[in-house]
Amino acid sequence: PKDESMTPTPMSPYAVTKLTGEHYMRVFAQLYGIETL
C-alpha cells in the first residue's frame, strides 16, 4: 500500500496542486504555529 513516507510523484496538474497545498500547510504549521493536517 501507499504510505506517507513514500516520495510523492504526481502525474497530473491536479495532483501537483494538492501536493503544493500540503507543503503550504506544513510550512504554516512550522512558521506560524497553526495546527494543520
All heavy atoms as atom14 arrays in JSON, in Angstrom:
{
  "sequence": "PKDESMTPTPMSPYAVTKLTGEHYMRVFAQLYGIETL",
  "atom14_mask": [
    [1, 1, 1, 1, 1, 1, 1, 0, 0, 0, 0, 0, 0, 0],
    [1, 1, 1, 1, 1, 1, 1, 1, 1, 0, 0, 0, 0, 0],
    [1, 1, 1, 1, 1, 1, 1, 1, 0, 0, 0, 0, 0, 0],
    [1, 1, 1, 1, 1, 1, 1, 1, 1, 0, 0, 0, 0, 0],
    [1, 1, 1, 1, 1, 1, 0, 0, 0, 0, 0, 0, 0, 0],
    [1, 1, 1, 1, 1, 1, 1, 1, 0, 0, 0, 0, 0, 0],
    [1, 1, 1, 1, 1, 1, 1, 0, 0, 0, 0, 0, 0, 0],
    [1, 1, 1, 1, 1, 1, 1, 0, 0, 0, 0, 0, 0, 0],
    [1, 1, 1, 1, 1, 1, 1, 0, 0, 0, 0, 0, 0, 0],
    [1, 1, 1, 1, 1, 1, 1, 0, 0, 0, 0, 0, 0, 0],
    [1, 1, 1, 1, 1, 1, 1, 1, 0, 0, 0, 0, 0, 0],
    [1, 1, 1, 1, 1, 1, 0, 0, 0, 0, 0, 0, 0, 0],
    [1, 1, 1, 1, 1, 1, 1, 0, 0, 0, 0, 0, 0, 0],
    [1, 1, 1, 1, 1, 1, 1, 1, 1, 1, 1, 1, 0, 0],
    [1, 1, 1, 1, 1, 0, 0, 0, 0, 0, 0, 0, 0, 0],
    [1, 1, 1, 1, 1, 1, 1, 0, 0, 0, 0, 0, 0, 0],
    [1, 1, 1, 1, 1, 1, 1, 0, 0, 0, 0, 0, 0, 0],
    [1, 1, 1, 1, 1, 1, 1, 1, 1, 0, 0, 0, 0, 0],
    [1, 1, 1, 1, 1, 1, 1, 1, 0, 0, 0, 0, 0, 0],
    [1, 1, 1, 1, 1, 1, 1, 0, 0, 0, 0, 0, 0, 0],
    [1, 1, 1, 1, 0, 0, 0, 0, 0, 0, 0, 0, 0, 0],
    [1, 1, 1, 1, 1, 1, 1, 1, 1, 0, 0, 0, 0, 0],
    [1, 1, 1, 1, 1, 1, 1, 1, 1, 1, 0, 0, 0, 0],
    [1, 1, 1, 1, 1, 1, 1, 1, 1, 1, 1, 1, 0, 0],
    [1, 1, 1, 1, 1, 1, 1, 1, 0, 0, 0, 0, 0, 0],
    [1, 1, 1, 1, 1, 1, 1, 1, 1, 1, 1, 0, 0, 0],
    [1, 1, 1, 1, 1, 1, 1, 0, 0, 0, 0, 0, 0, 0],
    [1, 1, 1, 1, 1, 1, 1, 1, 1, 1, 1, 0, 0, 0],
    [1, 1, 1, 1, 1, 0, 0, 0, 0, 0, 0, 0, 0, 0],
    [1, 1, 1, 1, 1, 1, 1, 1, 1, 0, 0, 0, 0, 0],
    [1, 1, 1, 1, 1, 1, 1, 1, 0, 0, 0, 0, 0, 0],
    [1, 1, 1, 1, 1, 1, 1, 1, 1, 1, 1, 1, 0, 0],
    [1, 1, 1, 1, 0, 0, 0, 0, 0, 0, 0, 0, 0, 0],
    [1, 1, 1, 1, 1, 1, 1, 1, 0, 0, 0, 0, 0, 0],
    [1, 1, 1, 1, 1, 1, 1, 1, 1, 0, 0, 0, 0, 0],
    [1, 1, 1, 1, 1, 1, 1, 0, 0, 0, 0, 0, 0, 0],
    [1, 1, 1, 1, 1, 1, 1, 1, 0, 0, 0, 0, 0, 0]
  ],
  "atom14_positions": [
    [[0.83, -1.21, 0.0], [0.0, 0.0, 0.0], [0.86, 1.26, 0.0], [2.04, 1.21, 0.35], [-0.8, -0.13, 1.3], [0.08, -0.93, 2.2], [0.81, -1.89, 1.31], [0.0, 0.0, 0.0], [0.0, 0.0, 0.0], [0.0, 0.0, 0.0], [0.0, 0.0, 0.0], [0.0, 0.0, 0.0], [0.0, 0.0, 0.0], [0.0, 0.0, 0.0]],
    [[0.26, 2.37, -0.38], [0.98, 3.65, -0.41], [1.0, 4.24, 1.0], [-0.05, 4.46, 1.58], [0.3, 4.61, -1.4], [0.32, 4.07, -2.84], [-0.41, 4.99, -3.79], [-0.63, 4.34, -5.16], [0.56, 4.24, -5.97], [0.0, 0.0, 0.0], [0.0, 0.0, 0.0], [0.0, 0.0, 0.0], [0.0, 0.0, 0.0], [0.0, 0.0, 0.0]],
    [[2.2, 4.46, 1.53], [2.27, 5.06, 2.87], [2.94, 6.42, 2.81], [3.59, 6.77, 1.82], [2.96, 4.11, 3.87], [4.46, 4.06, 3.69], [5.12, 5.1, 3.88], [4.99, 2.97, 3.38], [0.0, 0.0, 0.0], [0.0, 0.0, 0.0], [0.0, 0.0, 0.0], [0.0, 0.0, 0.0], [0.0, 0.0, 0.0], [0.0, 0.0, 0.0]],
    [[2.75, 7.18, 3.88], [3.11, 8.6, 3.89], [4.62, 8.86, 3.81], [5.04, 9.99, 3.56], [2.53, 9.27, 5.14], [1.01, 9.27, 5.19], [0.38, 8.01, 5.78], [1.1, 7.01, 5.98], [-0.83, 8.03, 6.06], [0.0, 0.0, 0.0], [0.0, 0.0, 0.0], [0.0, 0.0, 0.0], [0.0, 0.0, 0.0], [0.0, 0.0, 0.0]],
    [[5.44, 7.81, 4.01], [6.89, 8.0, 3.92], [7.38, 7.96, 2.47], [8.53, 8.3, 2.19], [7.62, 6.92, 4.73], [7.42, 5.65, 4.13], [0.0, 0.0, 0.0], [0.0, 0.0, 0.0], [0.0, 0.0, 0.0], [0.0, 0.0, 0.0], [0.0, 0.0, 0.0], [0.0, 0.0, 0.0], [0.0, 0.0, 0.0], [0.0, 0.0, 0.0]],
    [[6.51, 7.55, 1.54], [6.91, 7.46, 0.13], [7.05, 8.85, -0.48], [6.34, 9.77, -0.12], [5.87, 6.65, -0.65], [5.79, 5.2, -0.23], [4.31, 4.34, -0.86], [4.69, 4.3, -2.6], [0.0, 0.0, 0.0], [0.0, 0.0, 0.0], [0.0, 0.0, 0.0], [0.0, 0.0, 0.0], [0.0, 0.0, 0.0], [0.0, 0.0, 0.0]],
    [[7.98, 8.97, -1.42], [8.18, 10.24, -2.11], [7.06, 10.44, -3.12], [6.88, 9.6, -4.01], [9.52, 10.28, -2.84], [10.56, 10.04, -1.89], [9.75, 11.62, -3.52], [0.0, 0.0, 0.0], [0.0, 0.0, 0.0], [0.0, 0.0, 0.0], [0.0, 0.0, 0.0], [0.0, 0.0, 0.0], [0.0, 0.0, 0.0], [0.0, 0.0, 0.0]],
    [[6.28, 11.52, -3.01], [5.2, 11.75, -3.98], [5.76, 11.98, -5.39], [6.79, 12.64, -5.56], [4.51, 13.01, -3.45], [4.91, 13.11, -2.01], [6.29, 12.54, -1.95], [0.0, 0.0, 0.0], [0.0, 0.0, 0.0], [0.0, 0.0, 0.0], [0.0, 0.0, 0.0], [0.0, 0.0, 0.0], [0.0, 0.0, 0.0], [0.0, 0.0, 0.0]],
    [[5.07, 11.44, -6.38], [5.45, 11.68, -7.78], [4.17, 11.98, -8.58], [3.68, 11.16, -9.34], [6.15, 10.44, -8.4], [5.32, 9.28, -8.16], [7.52, 10.21, -7.8], [0.0, 0.0, 0.0], [0.0, 0.0, 0.0], [0.0, 0.0, 0.0], [0.0, 0.0, 0.0], [0.0, 0.0, 0.0], [0.0, 0.0, 0.0], [0.0, 0.0, 0.0]],
    [[3.61, 13.18, -8.38], [2.34, 13.5, -9.02], [2.43, 13.42, -10.55], [3.45, 13.78, -11.13], [2.04, 14.92, -8.56], [3.31, 15.44, -7.97], [4.13, 14.28, -7.55], [0.0, 0.0, 0.0], [0.0, 0.0, 0.0], [0.0, 0.0, 0.0], [0.0, 0.0, 0.0], [0.0, 0.0, 0.0], [0.0, 0.0, 0.0], [0.0, 0.0, 0.0]],
    [[1.34, 12.95, -11.16], [1.31, 12.75, -12.62], [0.35, 13.69, -13.33], [0.17, 13.58, -14.54], [0.89, 11.3, -12.92], [1.91, 10.27, -12.51], [1.23, 8.58, -12.68], [0.81, 8.53, -14.42], [0.0, 0.0, 0.0], [0.0, 0.0, 0.0], [0.0, 0.0, 0.0], [0.0, 0.0, 0.0], [0.0, 0.0, 0.0], [0.0, 0.0, 0.0]],
    [[-0.31, 14.57, -12.59], [-1.27, 15.48, -13.21], [-1.17, 16.84, -12.53], [-0.72, 16.94, -11.39], [-2.7, 14.94, -13.05], [-3.05, 14.93, -11.67], [0.0, 0.0, 0.0], [0.0, 0.0, 0.0], [0.0, 0.0, 0.0], [0.0, 0.0, 0.0], [0.0, 0.0, 0.0], [0.0, 0.0, 0.0], [0.0, 0.0, 0.0], [0.0, 0.0, 0.0]],
    [[-1.61, 17.91, -13.21], [-1.64, 19.22, -12.56], [-2.45, 19.2, -11.27], [-2.06, 19.82, -10.28], [-2.27, 20.13, -13.61], [-1.91, 19.49, -14.91], [-1.96, 18.01, -14.66], [0.0, 0.0, 0.0], [0.0, 0.0, 0.0], [0.0, 0.0, 0.0], [0.0, 0.0, 0.0], [0.0, 0.0, 0.0], [0.0, 0.0, 0.0], [0.0, 0.0, 0.0]],
    [[-3.57, 18.47, -11.25], [-4.39, 18.38, -10.03], [-3.55, 17.84, -8.87], [-3.56, 18.39, -7.76], [-5.59, 17.47, -10.27], [-6.39, 17.19, -9.01], [-7.2, 18.18, -8.44], [-6.33, 15.95, -8.38], [-7.92, 17.93, -7.29], [-7.05, 15.7, -7.22], [-7.84, 16.68, -6.68], [-8.54, 16.44, -5.52], [0.0, 0.0, 0.0], [0.0, 0.0, 0.0]],
    [[-2.83, 16.76, -9.12], [-2.01, 16.15, -8.07], [-0.92, 17.12, -7.59], [-0.63, 17.21, -6.4], [-1.39, 14.85, -8.57], [0.0, 0.0, 0.0], [0.0, 0.0, 0.0], [0.0, 0.0, 0.0], [0.0, 0.0, 0.0], [0.0, 0.0, 0.0], [0.0, 0.0, 0.0], [0.0, 0.0, 0.0], [0.0, 0.0, 0.0], [0.0, 0.0, 0.0]],
    [[-0.34, 17.87, -8.52], [0.67, 18.87, -8.15], [0.05, 19.94, -7.24], [0.65, 20.34, -6.25], [1.29, 19.52, -9.41], [2.16, 20.71, -9.03], [2.12, 18.5, -10.18], [0.0, 0.0, 0.0], [0.0, 0.0, 0.0], [0.0, 0.0, 0.0], [0.0, 0.0, 0.0], [0.0, 0.0, 0.0], [0.0, 0.0, 0.0], [0.0, 0.0, 0.0]],
    [[-1.17, 20.36, -7.56], [-1.8, 21.41, -6.74], [-2.06, 20.91, -5.32], [-1.9, 21.66, -4.35], [-3.13, 21.91, -7.34], [-4.13, 20.89, -7.3], [-2.96, 22.41, -8.76], [0.0, 0.0, 0.0], [0.0, 0.0, 0.0], [0.0, 0.0, 0.0], [0.0, 0.0, 0.0], [0.0, 0.0, 0.0], [0.0, 0.0, 0.0], [0.0, 0.0, 0.0]],
    [[-2.46, 19.65, -5.2], [-2.74, 19.1, -3.87], [-1.46, 18.94, -3.06], [-1.43, 19.23, -1.85], [-3.49, 17.76, -3.99], [-4.96, 17.92, -4.36], [-5.68, 18.73, -3.29], [-7.16, 18.9, -3.53], [-7.78, 19.75, -2.5], [0.0, 0.0, 0.0], [0.0, 0.0, 0.0], [0.0, 0.0, 0.0], [0.0, 0.0, 0.0], [0.0, 0.0, 0.0]],
    [[-0.4, 18.51, -3.71], [0.88, 18.37, -3.02], [1.42, 19.74, -2.59], [1.95, 19.91, -1.49], [1.89, 17.66, -3.92], [3.24, 17.34, -3.28], [3.09, 16.45, -2.05], [4.18, 16.7, -4.3], [0.0, 0.0, 0.0], [0.0, 0.0, 0.0], [0.0, 0.0, 0.0], [0.0, 0.0, 0.0], [0.0, 0.0, 0.0], [0.0, 0.0, 0.0]],
    [[1.23, 20.74, -3.45], [1.65, 22.11, -3.1], [0.87, 22.62, -1.89], [1.44, 23.22, -0.98], [1.44, 23.05, -4.31], [2.12, 22.51, -5.44], [1.96, 24.44, -4.01], [0.0, 0.0, 0.0], [0.0, 0.0, 0.0], [0.0, 0.0, 0.0], [0.0, 0.0, 0.0], [0.0, 0.0, 0.0], [0.0, 0.0, 0.0], [0.0, 0.0, 0.0]],
    [[-0.42, 22.36, -1.87], [-1.24, 22.72, -0.7], [-0.73, 22.07, 0.57], [-0.67, 22.7, 1.63], [0.0, 0.0, 0.0], [0.0, 0.0, 0.0], [0.0, 0.0, 0.0], [0.0, 0.0, 0.0], [0.0, 0.0, 0.0], [0.0, 0.0, 0.0], [0.0, 0.0, 0.0], [0.0, 0.0, 0.0], [0.0, 0.0, 0.0], [0.0, 0.0, 0.0]],
    [[-0.36, 20.81, 0.48], [0.2, 20.1, 1.65], [1.47, 20.8, 2.16], [1.66, 20.96, 3.37], [0.56, 18.66, 1.28], [-0.62, 17.74, 1.08], [-0.17, 16.3, 0.86], [1.05, 16.01, 1.04], [-1.02, 15.47, 0.5], [0.0, 0.0, 0.0], [0.0, 0.0, 0.0], [0.0, 0.0, 0.0], [0.0, 0.0, 0.0], [0.0, 0.0, 0.0]],
    [[2.34, 21.17, 1.21], [3.59, 21.85, 1.61], [3.28, 23.18, 2.31], [3.9, 23.51, 3.33], [4.48, 22.09, 0.39], [5.15, 20.86, -0.12], [5.76, 19.94, 0.7], [5.32, 20.4, -1.39], [6.28, 18.97, -0.03], [6.02, 19.22, -1.3], [0.0, 0.0, 0.0], [0.0, 0.0, 0.0], [0.0, 0.0, 0.0], [0.0, 0.0, 0.0]],
    [[2.32, 23.92, 1.76], [1.94, 25.18, 2.41], [1.38, 24.95, 3.81], [1.68, 25.69, 4.75], [0.93, 25.95, 1.56], [1.56, 26.89, 0.56], [1.26, 26.82, -0.8], [2.46, 27.87, 0.99], [1.85, 27.69, -1.7], [3.06, 28.74, 0.09], [2.75, 28.64, -1.25], [3.34, 29.51, -2.15], [0.0, 0.0, 0.0], [0.0, 0.0, 0.0]],
    [[0.58, 23.91, 3.97], [0.03, 23.59, 5.29], [1.16, 23.3, 6.29], [1.15, 23.79, 7.42], [-0.89, 22.36, 5.18], [-2.14, 22.59, 4.37], [-3.44, 23.44, 5.28], [-4.04, 22.11, 6.28], [0.0, 0.0, 0.0], [0.0, 0.0, 0.0], [0.0, 0.0, 0.0], [0.0, 0.0, 0.0], [0.0, 0.0, 0.0], [0.0, 0.0, 0.0]],
    [[2.13, 22.51, 5.86], [3.26, 22.17, 6.74], [4.08, 23.4, 7.09], [4.46, 23.61, 8.25], [4.13, 21.11, 6.05], [5.34, 20.67, 6.85], [6.13, 19.6, 6.12], [6.38, 19.92, 4.73], [7.31, 20.79, 4.31], [8.09, 21.43, 5.19], [7.48, 21.04, 3.02], [0.0, 0.0, 0.0], [0.0, 0.0, 0.0], [0.0, 0.0, 0.0]],
    [[4.34, 24.25, 6.08], [5.16, 25.45, 6.31], [4.44, 26.41, 7.27], [5.08, 27.0, 8.16], [5.48, 26.14, 4.96], [5.99, 27.55, 5.16], [6.51, 25.3, 4.2], [0.0, 0.0, 0.0], [0.0, 0.0, 0.0], [0.0, 0.0, 0.0], [0.0, 0.0, 0.0], [0.0, 0.0, 0.0], [0.0, 0.0, 0.0], [0.0, 0.0, 0.0]],
    [[3.13, 26.57, 7.12], [2.39, 27.46, 8.02], [2.37, 26.9, 9.44], [2.36, 27.66, 10.42], [0.97, 27.72, 7.5], [0.88, 28.93, 6.62], [1.44, 28.93, 5.35], [0.25, 30.09, 7.05], [1.38, 30.05, 4.53], [0.17, 31.23, 6.25], [0.75, 31.2, 4.97], [0.0, 0.0, 0.0], [0.0, 0.0, 0.0], [0.0, 0.0, 0.0]],
    [[2.36, 25.58, 9.57], [2.45, 24.97, 10.9], [3.81, 25.27, 11.53], [3.9, 25.65, 12.71], [2.23, 23.46, 10.81], [0.0, 0.0, 0.0], [0.0, 0.0, 0.0], [0.0, 0.0, 0.0], [0.0, 0.0, 0.0], [0.0, 0.0, 0.0], [0.0, 0.0, 0.0], [0.0, 0.0, 0.0], [0.0, 0.0, 0.0], [0.0, 0.0, 0.0]],
    [[4.88, 25.13, 10.73], [6.23, 25.34, 11.25], [6.52, 26.82, 11.54], [7.08, 27.15, 12.58], [7.26, 24.8, 10.25], [7.26, 23.27, 10.16], [8.14, 22.76, 9.03], [8.53, 23.52, 8.14], [8.41, 21.47, 9.03], [0.0, 0.0, 0.0], [0.0, 0.0, 0.0], [0.0, 0.0, 0.0], [0.0, 0.0, 0.0], [0.0, 0.0, 0.0]],
    [[6.11, 27.69, 10.61], [6.45, 29.11, 10.75], [5.56, 29.85, 11.75], [6.02, 30.7, 12.51], [6.33, 29.81, 9.4], [7.42, 29.56, 8.36], [7.1, 30.33, 7.1], [8.79, 29.95, 8.9], [0.0, 0.0, 0.0], [0.0, 0.0, 0.0], [0.0, 0.0, 0.0], [0.0, 0.0, 0.0], [0.0, 0.0, 0.0], [0.0, 0.0, 0.0]],
    [[4.27, 29.52, 11.73], [3.3, 30.34, 12.46], [2.58, 29.59, 13.57], [1.75, 30.19, 14.28], [2.26, 30.9, 11.48], [2.87, 31.64, 10.3], [2.66, 31.19, 9.01], [3.64, 32.79, 10.48], [3.21, 31.85, 7.91], [4.2, 33.45, 9.4], [3.98, 32.98, 8.12], [4.53, 33.64, 7.05], [0.0, 0.0, 0.0], [0.0, 0.0, 0.0]],
    [[2.86, 28.3, 13.72], [2.27, 27.55, 14.82], [0.79, 27.2, 14.65], [0.14, 26.8, 15.61], [0.0, 0.0, 0.0], [0.0, 0.0, 0.0], [0.0, 0.0, 0.0], [0.0, 0.0, 0.0], [0.0, 0.0, 0.0], [0.0, 0.0, 0.0], [0.0, 0.0, 0.0], [0.0, 0.0, 0.0], [0.0, 0.0, 0.0], [0.0, 0.0, 0.0]],
    [[0.25, 27.35, 13.43], [-1.13, 26.9, 13.2], [-1.13, 25.37, 13.2], [-0.24, 24.74, 12.62], [-1.67, 27.41, 11.85], [-1.65, 28.94, 11.8], [-3.1, 26.92, 11.6], [-2.1, 29.51, 10.46], [0.0, 0.0, 0.0], [0.0, 0.0, 0.0], [0.0, 0.0, 0.0], [0.0, 0.0, 0.0], [0.0, 0.0, 0.0], [0.0, 0.0, 0.0]],
    [[-2.12, 24.76, 13.84], [-2.23, 23.3, 13.83], [-2.86, 22.89, 12.5], [-4.01, 23.22, 12.22], [-3.11, 22.84, 15.0], [-2.51, 23.19, 16.35], [-3.49, 22.94, 17.48], [-4.7, 22.89, 17.23], [-3.02, 22.8, 18.62], [0.0, 0.0, 0.0], [0.0, 0.0, 0.0], [0.0, 0.0, 0.0], [0.0, 0.0, 0.0], [0.0, 0.0, 0.0]],
    [[-2.09, 22.22, 11.65], [-2.6, 21.85, 10.33], [-2.46, 20.35, 10.08], [-1.58, 19.69, 10.63], [-1.89, 22.6, 9.19], [-0.55, 22.14, 9.08], [-1.9, 24.11, 9.43], [0.0, 0.0, 0.0], [0.0, 0.0, 0.0], [0.0, 0.0, 0.0], [0.0, 0.0, 0.0], [0.0, 0.0, 0.0], [0.0, 0.0, 0.0], [0.0, 0.0, 0.0]],
    [[-3.34, 19.86, 9.23], [-3.31, 18.46, 8.82], [-3.85, 18.38, 7.4], [-4.87, 19.0, 7.08], [-4.19, 17.61, 9.74], [-4.27, 16.12, 9.41], [-2.98, 15.41, 9.8], [-5.46, 15.46, 10.14], [0.0, 0.0, 0.0], [0.0, 0.0, 0.0], [0.0, 0.0, 0.0], [0.0, 0.0, 0.0], [0.0, 0.0, 0.0], [0.0, 0.0, 0.0]]
  ]
}
